[in-house]
All heavy atoms as atom14 arrays in JSON, in Angstrom:
{
  "sequence": "SVSFWSVAWLSVLYCMRVLSFSSVLFRALKENISTILNVALLVTLLTS",
  "atom14_mask": [
    [1, 1, 1, 1, 1, 1, 0, 0, 0, 0, 0, 0, 0, 0],
    [1, 1, 1, 1, 1, 1, 1, 0, 0, 0, 0, 0, 0, 0],
    [1, 1, 1, 1, 1, 1, 0, 0, 0, 0, 0, 0, 0, 0],
    [1, 1, 1, 1, 1, 1, 1, 1, 1, 1, 1, 0, 0, 0],
    [1, 1, 1, 1, 1, 1, 1, 1, 1, 1, 1, 1, 1, 1],
    [1, 1, 1, 1, 1, 1, 0, 0, 0, 0, 0, 0, 0, 0],
    [1, 1, 1, 1, 1, 1, 1, 0, 0, 0, 0, 0, 0, 0],
    [1, 1, 1, 1, 1, 0, 0, 0, 0, 0, 0, 0, 0, 0],
    [1, 1, 1, 1, 1, 1, 1, 1, 1, 1, 1, 1, 1, 1],
    [1, 1, 1, 1, 1, 1, 1, 1, 0, 0, 0, 0, 0, 0],
    [1, 1, 1, 1, 1, 1, 0, 0, 0, 0, 0, 0, 0, 0],
    [1, 1, 1, 1, 1, 1, 1, 0, 0, 0, 0, 0, 0, 0],
    [1, 1, 1, 1, 1, 1, 1, 1, 0, 0, 0, 0, 0, 0],
    [1, 1, 1, 1, 1, 1, 1, 1, 1, 1, 1, 1, 0, 0],
    [1, 1, 1, 1, 1, 1, 0, 0, 0, 0, 0, 0, 0, 0],
    [1, 1, 1, 1, 1, 1, 1, 1, 0, 0, 0, 0, 0, 0],
    [1, 1, 1, 1, 1, 1, 1, 1, 1, 1, 1, 0, 0, 0],
    [1, 1, 1, 1, 1, 1, 1, 0, 0, 0, 0, 0, 0, 0],
    [1, 1, 1, 1, 1, 1, 1, 1, 0, 0, 0, 0, 0, 0],
    [1, 1, 1, 1, 1, 1, 0, 0, 0, 0, 0, 0, 0, 0],
    [1, 1, 1, 1, 1, 1, 1, 1, 1, 1, 1, 0, 0, 0],
    [1, 1, 1, 1, 1, 1, 0, 0, 0, 0, 0, 0, 0, 0],
    [1, 1, 1, 1, 1, 1, 0, 0, 0, 0, 0, 0, 0, 0],
    [1, 1, 1, 1, 1, 1, 1, 0, 0, 0, 0, 0, 0, 0],
    [1, 1, 1, 1, 1, 1, 1, 1, 0, 0, 0, 0, 0, 0],
    [1, 1, 1, 1, 1, 1, 1, 1, 1, 1, 1, 0, 0, 0],
    [1, 1, 1, 1, 1, 1, 1, 1, 1, 1, 1, 0, 0, 0],
    [1, 1, 1, 1, 1, 0, 0, 0, 0, 0, 0, 0, 0, 0],
    [1, 1, 1, 1, 1, 1, 1, 1, 0, 0, 0, 0, 0, 0],
    [1, 1, 1, 1, 1, 1, 1, 1, 1, 0, 0, 0, 0, 0],
    [1, 1, 1, 1, 1, 1, 1, 1, 1, 0, 0, 0, 0, 0],
    [1, 1, 1, 1, 1, 1, 1, 1, 0, 0, 0, 0, 0, 0],
    [1, 1, 1, 1, 1, 1, 1, 1, 0, 0, 0, 0, 0, 0],
    [1, 1, 1, 1, 1, 1, 0, 0, 0, 0, 0, 0, 0, 0],
    [1, 1, 1, 1, 1, 1, 1, 0, 0, 0, 0, 0, 0, 0],
    [1, 1, 1, 1, 1, 1, 1, 1, 0, 0, 0, 0, 0, 0],
    [1, 1, 1, 1, 1, 1, 1, 1, 0, 0, 0, 0, 0, 0],
    [1, 1, 1, 1, 1, 1, 1, 1, 0, 0, 0, 0, 0, 0],
    [1, 1, 1, 1, 1, 1, 1, 0, 0, 0, 0, 0, 0, 0],
    [1, 1, 1, 1, 1, 0, 0, 0, 0, 0, 0, 0, 0, 0],
    [1, 1, 1, 1, 1, 1, 1, 1, 0, 0, 0, 0, 0, 0],
    [1, 1, 1, 1, 1, 1, 1, 1, 0, 0, 0, 0, 0, 0],
    [1, 1, 1, 1, 1, 1, 1, 0, 0, 0, 0, 0, 0, 0],
    [1, 1, 1, 1, 1, 1, 1, 0, 0, 0, 0, 0, 0, 0],
    [1, 1, 1, 1, 1, 1, 1, 1, 0, 0, 0, 0, 0, 0],
    [1, 1, 1, 1, 1, 1, 1, 1, 0, 0, 0, 0, 0, 0],
    [1, 1, 1, 1, 1, 1, 1, 0, 0, 0, 0, 0, 0, 0],
    [1, 1, 1, 1, 1, 1, 0, 0, 0, 0, 0, 0, 0, 0]
  ],
  "atom14_positions": [
    [[112.67, -14.56, -70.18], [111.31, -14.07, -70.41], [110.27, -15.16, -70.14], [109.26, -14.91, -69.47], [111.18, -13.57, -71.85], [109.85, -13.19, -72.14], [0.0, 0.0, 0.0], [0.0, 0.0, 0.0], [0.0, 0.0, 0.0], [0.0, 0.0, 0.0], [0.0, 0.0, 0.0], [0.0, 0.0, 0.0], [0.0, 0.0, 0.0], [0.0, 0.0, 0.0]],
    [[110.52, -16.36, -70.63], [109.59, -17.47, -70.4], [109.48, -17.78, -68.91], [108.38, -18.02, -68.38], [110.05, -18.71, -71.19], [109.24, -19.94, -70.78], [109.91, -18.48, -72.69], [0.0, 0.0, 0.0], [0.0, 0.0, 0.0], [0.0, 0.0, 0.0], [0.0, 0.0, 0.0], [0.0, 0.0, 0.0], [0.0, 0.0, 0.0], [0.0, 0.0, 0.0]],
    [[110.6, -17.76, -68.21], [110.58, -18.05, -66.78], [109.81, -16.97, -66.0], [108.98, -17.28, -65.16], [112.02, -18.16, -66.26], [112.02, -18.38, -64.86], [0.0, 0.0, 0.0], [0.0, 0.0, 0.0], [0.0, 0.0, 0.0], [0.0, 0.0, 0.0], [0.0, 0.0, 0.0], [0.0, 0.0, 0.0], [0.0, 0.0, 0.0], [0.0, 0.0, 0.0]],
    [[110.08, -15.7, -66.31], [109.41, -14.61, -65.6], [107.9, -14.63, -65.83], [107.11, -14.51, -64.89], [109.98, -13.26, -66.04], [111.43, -13.07, -65.69], [112.21, -12.18, -66.4], [112.01, -13.79, -64.66], [113.55, -12.0, -66.1], [113.35, -13.62, -64.35], [114.12, -12.73, -65.06], [0.0, 0.0, 0.0], [0.0, 0.0, 0.0], [0.0, 0.0, 0.0]],
    [[107.51, -14.79, -67.09], [106.09, -14.82, -67.4], [105.4, -16.06, -66.81], [104.23, -15.99, -66.4], [105.87, -14.76, -68.9], [105.85, -13.37, -69.45], [106.87, -12.7, -70.03], [104.74, -12.47, -69.45], [106.48, -11.43, -70.4], [105.18, -11.26, -70.06], [103.43, -12.56, -69.0], [104.34, -10.16, -70.22], [102.59, -11.46, -69.16], [103.04, -10.29, -69.76]],
    [[106.1, -17.18, -66.78], [105.51, -18.4, -66.2], [105.26, -18.23, -64.71], [104.25, -18.72, -64.18], [106.42, -19.59, -66.46], [106.58, -19.82, -67.84], [0.0, 0.0, 0.0], [0.0, 0.0, 0.0], [0.0, 0.0, 0.0], [0.0, 0.0, 0.0], [0.0, 0.0, 0.0], [0.0, 0.0, 0.0], [0.0, 0.0, 0.0], [0.0, 0.0, 0.0]],
    [[106.18, -17.56, -64.0], [105.95, -17.28, -62.59], [104.72, -16.39, -62.41], [103.9, -16.59, -61.51], [107.2, -16.62, -61.96], [106.91, -16.16, -60.54], [108.37, -17.59, -61.95], [0.0, 0.0, 0.0], [0.0, 0.0, 0.0], [0.0, 0.0, 0.0], [0.0, 0.0, 0.0], [0.0, 0.0, 0.0], [0.0, 0.0, 0.0], [0.0, 0.0, 0.0]],
    [[104.57, -15.41, -63.3], [103.39, -14.55, -63.24], [102.11, -15.34, -63.51], [101.09, -15.16, -62.82], [103.53, -13.41, -64.26], [0.0, 0.0, 0.0], [0.0, 0.0, 0.0], [0.0, 0.0, 0.0], [0.0, 0.0, 0.0], [0.0, 0.0, 0.0], [0.0, 0.0, 0.0], [0.0, 0.0, 0.0], [0.0, 0.0, 0.0], [0.0, 0.0, 0.0]],
    [[102.16, -16.26, -64.49], [100.97, -17.07, -64.78], [100.66, -18.02, -63.62], [99.5, -18.31, -63.34], [101.18, -17.87, -66.07], [101.29, -17.07, -67.31], [102.18, -17.26, -68.33], [100.49, -15.95, -67.72], [102.01, -16.33, -69.32], [100.97, -15.51, -68.98], [99.43, -15.26, -67.13], [100.42, -14.43, -69.65], [98.88, -14.17, -67.81], [99.37, -13.77, -69.04]],
    [[101.69, -18.52, -62.95], [101.46, -19.38, -61.78], [100.76, -18.6, -60.67], [99.87, -19.12, -60.0], [102.79, -19.94, -61.28], [102.7, -20.93, -60.11], [101.97, -22.19, -60.53], [104.1, -21.29, -59.61], [0.0, 0.0, 0.0], [0.0, 0.0, 0.0], [0.0, 0.0, 0.0], [0.0, 0.0, 0.0], [0.0, 0.0, 0.0], [0.0, 0.0, 0.0]],
    [[101.15, -17.35, -60.49], [100.49, -16.51, -59.5], [99.04, -16.25, -59.87], [98.15, -16.26, -59.0], [101.25, -15.18, -59.37], [100.63, -14.33, -58.45], [0.0, 0.0, 0.0], [0.0, 0.0, 0.0], [0.0, 0.0, 0.0], [0.0, 0.0, 0.0], [0.0, 0.0, 0.0], [0.0, 0.0, 0.0], [0.0, 0.0, 0.0], [0.0, 0.0, 0.0]],
    [[98.78, -16.04, -61.15], [97.4, -15.86, -61.61], [96.58, -17.12, -61.35], [95.43, -17.06, -60.9], [97.38, -15.51, -63.12], [95.95, -15.53, -63.66], [98.0, -14.14, -63.34], [0.0, 0.0, 0.0], [0.0, 0.0, 0.0], [0.0, 0.0, 0.0], [0.0, 0.0, 0.0], [0.0, 0.0, 0.0], [0.0, 0.0, 0.0], [0.0, 0.0, 0.0]],
    [[97.16, -18.28, -61.62], [96.46, -19.55, -61.42], [96.09, -19.75, -59.96], [94.94, -20.09, -59.64], [97.35, -20.7, -61.9], [96.79, -22.11, -61.72], [95.5, -22.29, -62.51], [97.81, -23.16, -62.12], [0.0, 0.0, 0.0], [0.0, 0.0, 0.0], [0.0, 0.0, 0.0], [0.0, 0.0, 0.0], [0.0, 0.0, 0.0], [0.0, 0.0, 0.0]],
    [[97.03, -19.54, -59.04], [96.74, -19.7, -57.62], [95.68, -18.69, -57.16], [94.79, -19.02, -56.38], [98.02, -19.52, -56.8], [98.97, -20.7, -56.88], [100.33, -20.54, -56.7], [98.49, -21.98, -57.15], [101.2, -21.62, -56.77], [99.35, -23.06, -57.23], [100.71, -22.87, -57.04], [101.55, -23.96, -57.12], [0.0, 0.0, 0.0], [0.0, 0.0, 0.0]],
    [[95.8, -17.47, -57.64], [94.86, -16.43, -57.25], [93.44, -16.77, -57.72], [92.47, -16.65, -56.95], [95.3, -15.09, -57.82], [94.27, -13.68, -57.34], [0.0, 0.0, 0.0], [0.0, 0.0, 0.0], [0.0, 0.0, 0.0], [0.0, 0.0, 0.0], [0.0, 0.0, 0.0], [0.0, 0.0, 0.0], [0.0, 0.0, 0.0], [0.0, 0.0, 0.0]],
    [[93.29, -17.21, -58.95], [91.97, -17.52, -59.49], [91.37, -18.75, -58.84], [90.14, -18.84, -58.68], [92.06, -17.73, -61.0], [92.48, -16.49, -61.78], [91.31, -15.13, -61.67], [89.91, -15.8, -62.54], [0.0, 0.0, 0.0], [0.0, 0.0, 0.0], [0.0, 0.0, 0.0], [0.0, 0.0, 0.0], [0.0, 0.0, 0.0], [0.0, 0.0, 0.0]],
    [[92.19, -19.69, -58.43], [91.66, -20.91, -57.81], [91.26, -20.7, -56.36], [90.32, -21.34, -55.87], [92.7, -22.02, -57.9], [92.83, -22.64, -59.28], [93.71, -23.86, -59.27], [93.71, -24.55, -60.55], [94.4, -25.66, -60.81], [95.16, -26.19, -59.85], [94.35, -26.22, -62.0], [0.0, 0.0, 0.0], [0.0, 0.0, 0.0], [0.0, 0.0, 0.0]],
    [[91.94, -19.82, -55.66], [91.67, -19.64, -54.23], [90.57, -18.63, -53.99], [89.67, -18.84, -53.17], [92.97, -19.2, -53.5], [92.67, -18.85, -52.05], [94.0, -20.32, -53.57], [0.0, 0.0, 0.0], [0.0, 0.0, 0.0], [0.0, 0.0, 0.0], [0.0, 0.0, 0.0], [0.0, 0.0, 0.0], [0.0, 0.0, 0.0], [0.0, 0.0, 0.0]],
    [[90.6, -17.5, -54.7], [89.65, -16.43, -54.46], [88.28, -16.77, -55.02], [88.15, -17.56, -55.96], [90.14, -15.13, -55.07], [91.03, -14.24, -54.21], [92.32, -14.94, -53.81], [91.35, -12.93, -54.92], [0.0, 0.0, 0.0], [0.0, 0.0, 0.0], [0.0, 0.0, 0.0], [0.0, 0.0, 0.0], [0.0, 0.0, 0.0], [0.0, 0.0, 0.0]],
    [[87.27, -16.18, -54.43], [85.9, -16.31, -54.93], [85.46, -14.95, -55.49], [85.79, -13.9, -54.92], [84.95, -16.74, -53.82], [85.0, -15.84, -52.72], [0.0, 0.0, 0.0], [0.0, 0.0, 0.0], [0.0, 0.0, 0.0], [0.0, 0.0, 0.0], [0.0, 0.0, 0.0], [0.0, 0.0, 0.0], [0.0, 0.0, 0.0], [0.0, 0.0, 0.0]],
    [[84.71, -14.98, -56.59], [84.33, -13.75, -57.29], [82.81, -13.7, -57.42], [82.13, -14.72, -57.56], [84.98, -13.7, -58.67], [86.47, -13.81, -58.65], [87.1, -15.03, -58.86], [87.26, -12.69, -58.42], [88.47, -15.14, -58.85], [88.64, -12.78, -58.4], [89.24, -14.0, -58.61], [0.0, 0.0, 0.0], [0.0, 0.0, 0.0], [0.0, 0.0, 0.0]],
    [[82.29, -12.47, -57.4], [80.86, -12.25, -57.61], [80.56, -11.86, -59.06], [79.43, -12.01, -59.52], [80.36, -11.13, -56.68], [81.09, -9.93, -56.88], [0.0, 0.0, 0.0], [0.0, 0.0, 0.0], [0.0, 0.0, 0.0], [0.0, 0.0, 0.0], [0.0, 0.0, 0.0], [0.0, 0.0, 0.0], [0.0, 0.0, 0.0], [0.0, 0.0, 0.0]],
    [[81.57, -11.37, -59.76], [81.38, -10.96, -61.15], [81.23, -12.18, -62.06], [81.92, -13.2, -61.88], [82.56, -10.11, -61.61], [82.47, -9.83, -62.99], [0.0, 0.0, 0.0], [0.0, 0.0, 0.0], [0.0, 0.0, 0.0], [0.0, 0.0, 0.0], [0.0, 0.0, 0.0], [0.0, 0.0, 0.0], [0.0, 0.0, 0.0], [0.0, 0.0, 0.0]],
    [[80.33, -12.08, -63.03], [80.11, -13.17, -63.97], [81.34, -13.4, -64.83], [81.72, -14.54, -65.15], [78.88, -12.87, -64.85], [78.67, -13.99, -65.88], [77.64, -12.69, -64.02], [0.0, 0.0, 0.0], [0.0, 0.0, 0.0], [0.0, 0.0, 0.0], [0.0, 0.0, 0.0], [0.0, 0.0, 0.0], [0.0, 0.0, 0.0], [0.0, 0.0, 0.0]],
    [[82.02, -12.3, -65.21], [83.21, -12.41, -66.05], [84.32, -13.17, -65.33], [84.93, -14.08, -65.91], [83.69, -11.01, -66.45], [85.0, -10.94, -67.25], [84.85, -11.68, -68.57], [85.41, -9.5, -67.48], [0.0, 0.0, 0.0], [0.0, 0.0, 0.0], [0.0, 0.0, 0.0], [0.0, 0.0, 0.0], [0.0, 0.0, 0.0], [0.0, 0.0, 0.0]],
    [[84.57, -12.81, -64.07], [85.64, -13.48, -63.33], [85.27, -14.93, -63.01], [86.15, -15.79, -62.93], [85.95, -12.71, -62.05], [86.78, -11.49, -62.27], [86.19, -10.23, -62.28], [88.14, -11.58, -62.5], [86.95, -9.09, -62.49], [88.91, -10.46, -62.72], [88.31, -9.2, -62.72], [0.0, 0.0, 0.0], [0.0, 0.0, 0.0], [0.0, 0.0, 0.0]],
    [[84.0, -15.21, -62.84], [83.59, -16.6, -62.63], [83.86, -17.43, -63.89], [84.32, -18.58, -63.79], [82.1, -16.66, -62.28], [81.77, -16.21, -60.87], [80.29, -16.34, -60.59], [79.95, -15.93, -59.24], [78.71, -15.92, -58.75], [77.69, -16.31, -59.52], [78.49, -15.53, -57.5], [0.0, 0.0, 0.0], [0.0, 0.0, 0.0], [0.0, 0.0, 0.0]],
    [[83.56, -16.85, -65.04], [83.84, -17.57, -66.3], [85.34, -17.77, -66.48], [85.78, -18.84, -66.92], [83.25, -16.79, -67.46], [0.0, 0.0, 0.0], [0.0, 0.0, 0.0], [0.0, 0.0, 0.0], [0.0, 0.0, 0.0], [0.0, 0.0, 0.0], [0.0, 0.0, 0.0], [0.0, 0.0, 0.0], [0.0, 0.0, 0.0], [0.0, 0.0, 0.0]],
    [[86.13, -16.76, -66.11], [87.58, -16.91, -66.2], [88.09, -17.99, -65.24], [88.99, -18.76, -65.58], [88.25, -15.57, -65.87], [88.11, -14.46, -66.92], [88.73, -13.18, -66.4], [88.77, -14.87, -68.24], [0.0, 0.0, 0.0], [0.0, 0.0, 0.0], [0.0, 0.0, 0.0], [0.0, 0.0, 0.0], [0.0, 0.0, 0.0], [0.0, 0.0, 0.0]],
    [[87.49, -18.04, -64.04], [87.92, -19.04, -63.07], [87.61, -20.45, -63.54], [88.41, -21.38, -63.34], [87.23, -18.77, -61.73], [87.66, -19.71, -60.62], [87.07, -19.29, -59.29], [87.57, -20.22, -58.17], [87.05, -19.8, -56.84], [0.0, 0.0, 0.0], [0.0, 0.0, 0.0], [0.0, 0.0, 0.0], [0.0, 0.0, 0.0], [0.0, 0.0, 0.0]],
    [[86.47, -20.64, -64.2], [86.1, -21.96, -64.68], [87.0, -22.43, -65.83], [87.24, -23.63, -66.0], [84.64, -21.95, -65.15], [83.65, -21.76, -64.0], [82.22, -21.66, -64.5], [82.03, -21.69, -65.75], [81.3, -21.56, -63.67], [0.0, 0.0, 0.0], [0.0, 0.0, 0.0], [0.0, 0.0, 0.0], [0.0, 0.0, 0.0], [0.0, 0.0, 0.0]],
    [[87.48, -21.5, -66.63], [88.3, -21.85, -67.8], [89.75, -21.43, -67.65], [90.46, -21.31, -68.66], [87.71, -21.19, -69.05], [86.28, -21.6, -69.32], [86.01, -22.68, -69.82], [85.35, -20.72, -68.97], [0.0, 0.0, 0.0], [0.0, 0.0, 0.0], [0.0, 0.0, 0.0], [0.0, 0.0, 0.0], [0.0, 0.0, 0.0], [0.0, 0.0, 0.0]],
    [[90.21, -21.21, -66.42], [91.56, -20.68, -66.2], [92.63, -21.65, -66.69], [93.69, -21.24, -67.18], [91.76, -20.33, -64.71], [93.06, -19.54, -64.53], [91.71, -21.57, -63.85], [93.09, -18.24, -65.23], [0.0, 0.0, 0.0], [0.0, 0.0, 0.0], [0.0, 0.0, 0.0], [0.0, 0.0, 0.0], [0.0, 0.0, 0.0], [0.0, 0.0, 0.0]],
    [[92.4, -22.95, -66.56], [93.41, -23.92, -67.0], [93.64, -23.84, -68.5], [94.79, -23.79, -68.97], [92.98, -25.33, -66.6], [92.9, -25.46, -65.2], [0.0, 0.0, 0.0], [0.0, 0.0, 0.0], [0.0, 0.0, 0.0], [0.0, 0.0, 0.0], [0.0, 0.0, 0.0], [0.0, 0.0, 0.0], [0.0, 0.0, 0.0], [0.0, 0.0, 0.0]],
    [[92.56, -23.82, -69.27], [92.69, -23.73, -70.73], [93.33, -22.4, -71.14], [94.19, -22.36, -72.03], [91.31, -23.86, -71.39], [90.7, -25.09, -70.98], [91.44, -23.84, -72.9], [0.0, 0.0, 0.0], [0.0, 0.0, 0.0], [0.0, 0.0, 0.0], [0.0, 0.0, 0.0], [0.0, 0.0, 0.0], [0.0, 0.0, 0.0], [0.0, 0.0, 0.0]],
    [[92.92, -21.33, -70.48], [93.45, -20.0, -70.81], [94.96, -19.96, -70.56], [95.73, -19.45, -71.39], [92.73, -18.92, -70.0], [91.26, -18.83, -70.43], [93.41, -17.57, -70.17], [90.43, -17.9, -69.57], [0.0, 0.0, 0.0], [0.0, 0.0, 0.0], [0.0, 0.0, 0.0], [0.0, 0.0, 0.0], [0.0, 0.0, 0.0], [0.0, 0.0, 0.0]],
    [[95.4, -20.5, -69.44], [96.82, -20.43, -69.1], [97.65, -21.39, -69.95], [98.82, -21.09, -70.24], [97.03, -20.73, -67.62], [96.55, -19.64, -66.66], [96.91, -19.98, -65.22], [97.13, -18.29, -67.02], [0.0, 0.0, 0.0], [0.0, 0.0, 0.0], [0.0, 0.0, 0.0], [0.0, 0.0, 0.0], [0.0, 0.0, 0.0], [0.0, 0.0, 0.0]],
    [[97.08, -22.52, -70.34], [97.81, -23.4, -71.26], [98.1, -22.7, -72.59], [99.2, -22.8, -73.14], [97.01, -24.68, -71.5], [96.97, -25.58, -70.29], [97.85, -25.52, -69.43], [95.95, -26.42, -70.2], [0.0, 0.0, 0.0], [0.0, 0.0, 0.0], [0.0, 0.0, 0.0], [0.0, 0.0, 0.0], [0.0, 0.0, 0.0], [0.0, 0.0, 0.0]],
    [[97.1, -21.98, -73.09], [97.3, -21.2, -74.31], [98.27, -20.05, -74.06], [99.13, -19.74, -74.9], [95.95, -20.67, -74.83], [96.16, -19.76, -76.04], [95.03, -21.82, -75.2], [0.0, 0.0, 0.0], [0.0, 0.0, 0.0], [0.0, 0.0, 0.0], [0.0, 0.0, 0.0], [0.0, 0.0, 0.0], [0.0, 0.0, 0.0], [0.0, 0.0, 0.0]],
    [[98.16, -19.42, -72.89], [99.04, -18.29, -72.56], [100.51, -18.71, -72.51], [101.4, -17.95, -72.9], [98.62, -17.67, -71.23], [0.0, 0.0, 0.0], [0.0, 0.0, 0.0], [0.0, 0.0, 0.0], [0.0, 0.0, 0.0], [0.0, 0.0, 0.0], [0.0, 0.0, 0.0], [0.0, 0.0, 0.0], [0.0, 0.0, 0.0], [0.0, 0.0, 0.0]],
    [[100.77, -19.92, -72.03], [102.15, -20.41, -71.99], [102.74, -20.55, -73.39], [103.88, -20.15, -73.64], [102.2, -21.75, -71.26], [101.99, -21.73, -69.75], [101.89, -23.15, -69.21], [103.12, -20.98, -69.07], [0.0, 0.0, 0.0], [0.0, 0.0, 0.0], [0.0, 0.0, 0.0], [0.0, 0.0, 0.0], [0.0, 0.0, 0.0], [0.0, 0.0, 0.0]],
    [[101.96, -21.1, -74.32], [102.44, -21.24, -75.69], [102.63, -19.89, -76.36], [103.62, -19.66, -77.07], [101.46, -22.1, -76.5], [101.32, -23.56, -76.05], [100.28, -24.28, -76.89], [102.65, -24.29, -76.13], [0.0, 0.0, 0.0], [0.0, 0.0, 0.0], [0.0, 0.0, 0.0], [0.0, 0.0, 0.0], [0.0, 0.0, 0.0], [0.0, 0.0, 0.0]],
    [[101.69, -18.96, -76.12], [101.81, -17.62, -76.68], [103.04, -16.91, -76.11], [103.77, -16.19, -76.84], [100.53, -16.81, -76.41], [100.72, -15.35, -76.82], [99.35, -17.42, -77.15], [0.0, 0.0, 0.0], [0.0, 0.0, 0.0], [0.0, 0.0, 0.0], [0.0, 0.0, 0.0], [0.0, 0.0, 0.0], [0.0, 0.0, 0.0], [0.0, 0.0, 0.0]],
    [[103.31, -17.11, -74.82], [104.49, -16.5, -74.19], [105.76, -17.01, -74.83], [106.7, -16.24, -75.11], [104.5, -16.81, -72.69], [103.33, -16.26, -72.08], [105.73, -16.22, -72.02], [0.0, 0.0, 0.0], [0.0, 0.0, 0.0], [0.0, 0.0, 0.0], [0.0, 0.0, 0.0], [0.0, 0.0, 0.0], [0.0, 0.0, 0.0], [0.0, 0.0, 0.0]],
    [[105.83, -18.32, -75.08], [107.02, -18.9, -75.7], [107.25, -18.34, -77.09], [108.37, -17.93, -77.45], [106.87, -20.42, -75.75], [107.99, -21.2, -76.43], [109.32, -20.97, -75.71], [107.66, -22.69, -76.49], [0.0, 0.0, 0.0], [0.0, 0.0, 0.0], [0.0, 0.0, 0.0], [0.0, 0.0, 0.0], [0.0, 0.0, 0.0], [0.0, 0.0, 0.0]],
    [[106.19, -18.29, -77.91], [106.32, -17.79, -79.28], [106.64, -16.3, -79.3], [107.49, -15.84, -80.09], [105.03, -18.06, -80.05], [104.67, -19.54, -80.26], [103.33, -19.66, -80.96], [105.76, -20.25, -81.06], [0.0, 0.0, 0.0], [0.0, 0.0, 0.0], [0.0, 0.0, 0.0], [0.0, 0.0, 0.0], [0.0, 0.0, 0.0], [0.0, 0.0, 0.0]],
    [[105.99, -15.54, -78.42], [106.24, -14.1, -78.38], [107.67, -13.79, -77.94], [108.32, -12.87, -78.48], [105.24, -13.42, -77.41], [103.91, -13.76, -77.79], [105.4, -11.91, -77.44], [0.0, 0.0, 0.0], [0.0, 0.0, 0.0], [0.0, 0.0, 0.0], [0.0, 0.0, 0.0], [0.0, 0.0, 0.0], [0.0, 0.0, 0.0], [0.0, 0.0, 0.0]],
    [[108.16, -14.55, -76.97], [109.53, -14.32, -76.5], [110.55, -14.59, -77.6], [111.49, -13.83, -77.79], [109.81, -15.2, -75.28], [108.92, -14.91, -74.21], [0.0, 0.0, 0.0], [0.0, 0.0, 0.0], [0.0, 0.0, 0.0], [0.0, 0.0, 0.0], [0.0, 0.0, 0.0], [0.0, 0.0, 0.0], [0.0, 0.0, 0.0], [0.0, 0.0, 0.0]]
  ]
}
């Protein structure tokens, strides 16, 4: 479970870093994607 979800988070990270967004929400997510994914990794471990 940790491995599968981590691959999914890696895909999210690459997608958010490469793509450009016009929405304010997605821009805010792109600026804070590193912090969000660091927390998501810990939540994934505990949830699994």
